[in-house]
C-alpha atoms as a PDB file:
ATOM      1  CA  MET A   1       0.000   0.000   0.000  1.00  0.00           C
ATOM      2  CA  THR A   2       1.335   3.341  -0.917  1.00  0.00           C
ATOM      3  CA  LEU A   3       1.076   6.517   1.062  1.00  0.00           C
ATOM      4  CA  THR A   4      -1.586   7.889  -1.285  1.00  0.00           C
ATOM      5  CA  SER A   5      -3.860   4.878  -0.851  1.00  0.00           C
ATOM      6  CA  ARG A   6      -3.519   5.120   2.954  1.00  0.00           C
ATOM      7  CA  VAL A   7      -4.491   8.792   2.863  1.00  0.00           C
ATOM      8  CA  VAL A   8      -7.507   7.957   0.700  1.00  0.00           C
ATOM      9  CA  ALA A   9      -8.526   5.142   3.089  1.00  0.00           C
ATOM     10  CA  VAL A  10      -8.226   7.418   6.134  1.00  0.00           C
ATOM     11  CA  ALA A  11     -10.172  10.162   4.346  1.00  0.00           C
ATOM     12  CA  ARG A  12     -12.963   7.702   3.534  1.00  0.00           C
ATOM     13  CA  MET A  13     -13.044   6.515   7.161  1.00  0.00           C
ATOM     14  CA  VAL A  14     -13.189  10.115   8.460  1.00  0.00           C
ATOM     15  CA  ARG A  15     -15.957  10.910   5.982  1.00  0.00           C
ATOM     16  CA  ALA A  16     -17.970   7.823   7.063  1.00  0.00           C
ATOM     17  CA  VAL A  17     -17.545   8.612  10.774  1.00  0.00           C
ATOM     18  CA  THR A  18     -18.517  12.256  10.224  1.00  0.00           C
ATOM     19  CA  LEU A  19     -21.577  11.264   8.221  1.00  0.00           C
ATOM     20  CA  GLY A  20     -22.574   8.741  10.906  1.00  0.00           C
ATOM     21  CA  LEU A  21     -22.220  11.344  13.661  1.00  0.00           C
ATOM     22  CA  ALA A  22     -24.206  13.903  11.680  1.00  0.00           C
ATOM     23  CA  LEU A  23     -27.013  11.424  11.085  1.00  0.00           C
ATOM     24  CA  SER A  24     -27.106  10.310  14.735  1.00  0.00           C
ATOM     25  CA  MET A  25     -27.107  13.942  15.946  1.00  0.00           C
ATOM     26  CA  THR A  26     -29.973  14.760  13.592  1.00  0.00           C
ATOM     27  CA  LEU A  27     -31.934  11.723  14.745  1.00  0.00           C
ATOM     28  CA  GLY A  28     -31.265  12.621  18.401  1.00  0.00           C
ATOM     29  CA  PHE A  29     -32.410  16.204  17.845  1.00  0.00           C
ATOM     30  CA  VAL A  30     -35.627  15.057  16.192  1.00  0.00           C
ATOM     31  CA  ALA A  31     -36.283  12.595  19.031  1.00  0.00           C
ATOM     32  CA  VAL A  32     -35.740  15.253  21.720  1.00  0.00           C
ATOM     33  CA  GLN A  33     -37.989  17.711  19.883  1.00  0.00           C
ATOM     34  CA  ALA A  34     -40.737  15.106  19.547  1.00  0.00           C
ATOM     35  CA  PHE A  35     -40.484  14.255  23.250  1.00  0.00           C
ATOM     36  CA  SER A  36     -40.470  17.919  24.209  1.00  0.00           C
ATOM     37  CA  SER A  37     -43.530  18.719  22.124  1.00  0.00           C
ATOM     38  CA  GLN A  38     -45.389  15.745  23.590  1.00  0.00           C
ATOM     39  CA  TYR A  39     -44.462  16.209  27.254  1.00  0.00           C
ATOM     40  CA  GLY A  40     -43.241  19.780  27.457  1.00  0.00           C
ATOM     41  CA  ASP A  41     -44.761  22.705  29.298  1.00  0.00           C
ATOM     42  CA  ARG A  42     -48.255  23.289  28.020  1.00  0.00           C
ATOM     43  CA  GLY A  43     -48.839  26.535  29.859  1.00  0.00           C
ATOM     44  CA  VAL A  44     -51.355  27.362  32.508  1.00  0.00           C
ATOM     45  CA  THR A  45     -54.892  26.073  32.260  1.00  0.00           C
ATOM     46  CA  THR A  46     -57.603  27.750  34.261  1.00  0.00           C
ATOM     47  CA  VAL A  47     -60.496  25.546  35.315  1.00  0.00           C
ATOM     48  CA  LEU A  48     -63.775  27.057  36.402  1.00  0.00           C
ATOM     49  CA  ILE A  49     -65.901  24.691  38.443  1.00  0.00           C
ATOM     50  CA  ASP A  50     -69.664  24.925  38.238  1.00  0.00           C
ATOM     51  CA  SER A  51     -71.540  24.577  41.523  1.00  0.00           C
ATOM     52  CA  ARG A  52     -73.524  21.706  39.975  1.00  0.00           C
ATOM     53  CA  SER A  53     -70.334  19.922  38.932  1.00  0.00           C
ATOM     54  CA  ASP A  54     -69.139  16.625  40.397  1.00  0.00           C
ATOM     55  CA  ASP A  55     -65.884  18.388  41.261  1.00  0.00           C
ATOM     56  CA  THR A  56     -67.475  20.350  44.096  1.00  0.00           C
ATOM     57  CA  MET A  57     -66.351  17.619  46.511  1.00  0.00           C
ATOM     58  CA  LEU A  58     -62.829  18.062  45.224  1.00  0.00           C
ATOM     59  CA  THR A  59     -63.094  21.826  45.617  1.00  0.00           C
ATOM     60  CA  ALA A  60     -64.344  21.417  49.172  1.00  0.00           C
ATOM     61  CA  ALA A  61     -61.524  18.977  50.008  1.00  0.00           C
ATOM     62  CA  ILE A  62     -58.929  21.375  48.588  1.00  0.00           C
ATOM     63  CA  ALA A  63     -60.431  24.243  50.581  1.00  0.00           C
ATOM     64  CA  ARG A  64     -60.236  22.158  53.798  1.00  0.00           C
ATOM     65  CA  GLN A  65     -56.577  21.313  53.204  1.00  0.00           C
ATOM     66  CA  GLU A  66     -55.665  24.891  52.297  1.00  0.00           C
ATOM     67  CA  SER A  67     -57.453  26.224  55.377  1.00  0.00           C
ATOM     68  CA  ALA A  68     -55.243  23.847  57.395  1.00  0.00           C
ATOM     69  CA  GLY A  69     -52.172  25.602  55.927  1.00  0.00           C
ATOM     70  CA  LEU A  70     -51.346  23.238  53.075  1.00  0.00           C
ATOM     71  CA  ARG A  71     -50.974  24.098  49.401  1.00  0.00           C
ATOM     72  CA  CYS A  72     -52.547  21.655  46.926  1.00  0.00           C
ATOM     73  CA  SER A  73     -51.367  21.170  43.353  1.00  0.00           C
ATOM     74  CA  GLU A  74     -51.763  18.732  40.485  1.00  0.00           C
ATOM     75  CA  SER A  75     -48.030  18.171  40.076  1.00  0.00           C
ATOM     76  CA  PRO A  76     -46.727  15.032  41.807  1.00  0.00           C
ATOM     77  CA  THR A  77     -44.986  15.658  45.120  1.00  0.00           C
ATOM     78  CA  LEU A  78     -43.750  13.401  47.887  1.00  0.00           C
ATOM     79  CA  THR A  79     -46.235  14.120  50.663  1.00  0.00           C
ATOM     80  CA  ASP A  80     -48.506  12.294  53.085  1.00  0.00           C
ATOM     81  CA  VAL A  81     -51.617  14.285  52.161  1.00  0.00           C
ATOM     82  CA  ILE A  82     -53.126  13.035  48.906  1.00  0.00           C
ATOM     83  CA  LEU A  83     -56.659  13.811  47.735  1.00  0.00           C
ATOM     84  CA  PHE A  84     -57.948  10.615  46.127  1.00  0.00           C
ATOM     85  CA  GLN A  85     -61.224  10.091  44.282  1.00  0.00           C
ATOM     86  CA  ARG A  86     -62.730   6.636  43.932  1.00  0.00           C
ATOM     87  CA  GLU A  87     -63.673   5.362  40.478  1.00  0.00           C
ATOM     88  CA  GLN A  88     -67.412   5.175  41.101  1.00  0.00           C
ATOM     89  CA  GLY A  89     -68.299   8.278  43.055  1.00  0.00           C
ATOM     90  CA  ALA A  90     -67.622  11.915  43.681  1.00  0.00           C
ATOM     91  CA  GLU A  91     -66.326  11.523  47.238  1.00  0.00           C
ATOM     92  CA  VAL A  92     -62.765  12.722  47.719  1.00  0.00           C
ATOM     93  CA  THR A  93     -60.784  11.160  50.564  1.00  0.00           C
ATOM     94  CA  VAL A  94     -57.468  12.043  52.162  1.00  0.00           C
ATOM     95  CA  MET A  95     -54.868   9.266  51.935  1.00  0.00           C
ATOM     96  CA  THR A  96     -51.180   8.829  52.591  1.00  0.00           C
ATOM     97  CA  PHE A  97     -48.871   8.681  49.622  1.00  0.00           C
ATOM     98  CA  ASP A  98     -48.409   4.898  49.854  1.00  0.00           C
ATOM     99  CA  GLU A  99     -52.148   4.240  50.163  1.00  0.00           C
ATOM    100  CA  ALA A 100     -52.915   6.490  47.197  1.00  0.00           C
ATOM    101  CA  ILE A 101     -50.275   4.880  44.979  1.00  0.00           C
ATOM    102  CA  THR A 102     -51.515   1.385  45.886  1.00  0.00           C
ATOM    103  CA  ALA A 103     -55.162   2.322  45.266  1.00  0.00           C
ATOM    104  CA  SER A 104     -54.295   4.066  41.999  1.00  0.00           C
ATOM    105  CA  ALA A 105     -52.235   1.095  40.801  1.00  0.00           C
ATOM    106  CA  SER A 106     -55.195  -1.165  41.631  1.00  0.00           C
ATOM    107  CA  ARG A 107     -57.366   1.094  39.458  1.00  0.00           C
ATOM    108  CA  LEU A 108     -59.720   1.926  42.308  1.00  0.00           C
ATOM    109  CA  GLY A 109     -59.646   5.604  41.402  1.00  0.00           C
ATOM    110  CA  TRP A 110     -57.165   8.379  40.757  1.00  0.00           C
ATOM    111  CA  ILE A 111     -55.061  10.896  42.597  1.00  0.00           C
ATOM    112  CA  ARG A 112     -56.618  14.321  42.247  1.00  0.00           C
ATOM    113  CA  ARG A 113     -54.251  16.590  44.216  1.00  0.00           C
ATOM    114  CA  TYR A 114     -51.012  16.526  46.195  1.00  0.00           C
ATOM    115  CA  CYS A 115     -51.097  18.793  49.270  1.00  0.00           C
ATOM    116  CA  VAL A 116     -47.861  19.957  50.857  1.00  0.00           C
END
């Protein structure tokens, strides 16, 4: 092998590695953008609750917790005060974090608020 053929072989290898990196970076960028658009910040949503709504029990439970000095939010937080709503009913109960996770995993209802 002559020096010229080695240079050509190295140039081809560098070109292939560069092309591979460019393609993987482009694919990674597209994947991150797709994830970000799906799960990114969607802004603030204001919910107005009608007095005839089923969520009045939730509103009352939130008011009780906030009057006790807690702040309730929809974002998951490690806390021992969870507002949980059973699948068949409007009643909202206060549970510990472990109880709420177990009940939610058993599909008995869903976690409505985390109060800290």
